[in-house]
Protein backbone atom coordinates (compact mmCIF):
# COMPACT_ATOMS: atom_id res chain seq x y z
CA MET A 1 -15.56 -22.02 -22.31
CA SER A 2 -15.98 -18.81 -20.15
CA GLY A 3 -13.96 -15.72 -21.27
CA CYS A 4 -12.37 -15.08 -18.01
CA PHE A 5 -10.59 -18.49 -18.09
CA MET A 6 -9.23 -18.17 -21.65
CA ASN A 7 -5.96 -16.65 -20.56
CA THR A 8 -5.35 -18.61 -17.42
CA ASN A 9 -2.83 -21.42 -16.45
CA THR A 10 -3.17 -23.91 -13.68
CA VAL A 11 -0.41 -24.13 -11.12
CA ASN A 12 0.26 -26.40 -8.25
CA ILE A 13 1.21 -24.73 -4.97
CA SER A 14 2.05 -26.48 -1.84
CA PHE A 15 0.67 -24.91 1.54
CA GLN A 16 1.22 -25.92 5.11
CA LYS A 17 -2.09 -27.29 6.46
CA ASP A 18 -2.74 -24.59 8.99
CA LEU A 19 -2.22 -21.92 6.36
CA LEU A 20 -4.48 -23.67 3.88
CA LYS A 21 -7.17 -23.86 6.62
CA LYS A 22 -7.02 -20.19 7.11
CA ILE A 23 -7.12 -19.56 3.33
CA ASP A 24 -10.23 -21.70 3.10
CA LYS A 25 -11.95 -20.04 6.09
CA VAL A 26 -11.52 -16.63 4.54
CA ALA A 27 -12.65 -17.76 1.08
CA LYS A 28 -15.80 -19.39 2.76
CA ASP A 29 -16.39 -16.26 4.86
CA GLU A 30 -16.28 -14.12 1.74
CA SER A 31 -18.14 -16.65 -0.51
CA ARG A 32 -15.23 -16.99 -2.76
CA THR A 33 -13.22 -19.85 -4.15
CA ARG A 34 -9.68 -20.62 -2.88
CA SER A 35 -8.33 -19.66 -6.32
CA GLU A 36 -10.09 -16.18 -6.24
CA LEU A 37 -8.53 -15.49 -2.80
CA ILE A 38 -5.10 -16.60 -3.75
CA ARG A 39 -5.18 -14.63 -7.09
CA GLU A 40 -6.29 -11.45 -5.19
CA ALA A 41 -3.57 -11.95 -2.58
CA ALA A 42 -0.90 -12.35 -5.36
CA ARG A 43 -2.17 -9.17 -7.25
CA MET A 44 -2.19 -7.23 -3.95
CA TYR A 45 1.33 -8.25 -3.08
CA ILE A 46 2.65 -7.33 -6.53
CA ASP A 47 0.82 -3.94 -6.34
CA LYS A 48 2.32 -3.33 -2.82
CA LYS A 49 5.87 -4.24 -4.09
CA ASN A 50 5.40 -1.98 -7.15
CA LYS A 51 4.29 0.93 -5.08
CA TRP A 52 7.19 0.66 -2.54
CA LYS A 53 9.52 0.46 -5.57
CA GLU A 54 8.16 3.72 -6.95
CA ILE A 55 8.53 5.38 -3.51
CA PHE A 56 12.20 4.31 -3.14
CA GLU A 57 12.84 5.43 -6.88
CA PHE A 58 11.26 8.79 -6.01
CA GLY A 59 13.23 9.07 -2.80
CA ASP A 60 16.49 8.25 -4.85
CA SER A 61 15.79 10.98 -7.42
CA ILE A 62 15.15 13.53 -4.75
CA GLN A 63 18.39 12.50 -2.87
CA LYS A 64 20.33 12.83 -6.21
CA ILE A 65 18.70 16.24 -7.05
CA ASN A 66 19.47 17.69 -3.65
CA ASN A 67 22.94 15.98 -3.37
CA LEU A 68 22.02 14.34 -0.12
CA SER A 69 24.05 11.78 1.67
CA GLU A 70 22.63 8.83 3.61
CA SER A 71 23.64 10.56 6.89
CA ASP A 72 21.89 13.79 5.82
CA ILE A 73 18.55 11.91 5.33
CA MET A 74 19.04 10.02 8.65
CA ASN A 75 19.74 13.27 10.52
CA GLU A 76 16.64 14.83 8.97
CA ILE A 77 14.48 11.87 10.01
CA LYS A 78 15.88 12.13 13.59
CA SER A 79 15.16 15.80 13.77
CA VAL A 80 11.62 15.30 12.63
CA ARG A 81 11.05 12.60 15.05
CA LYS A 82 11.97 14.69 18.06
C-alpha cells in the first residue's frame, strides 16, 4: 500500500451533474484526478477560512486595545474611502 494513502478515508459526496462536469474538466485539463482536485479545493477553503478568522481576531484585538466602537470604525472606513 502506498504511503500517501495510509491515513486516508473514503467518503461519498453528491454533486449536481453540471458541477461534476466542471470538476472533471478542470481535473482533466490539469492532468489530475477528481479526488486530487477536490482535496485541494477543501484545503484551500479551510486555509481561506482560517486566514479570515485570524484577520477578524486581529481586528477585534486592535478594536479592544484602542477602545473603538463599531461606529468609530465605520466612520474611519468612510473617511478613507473619500
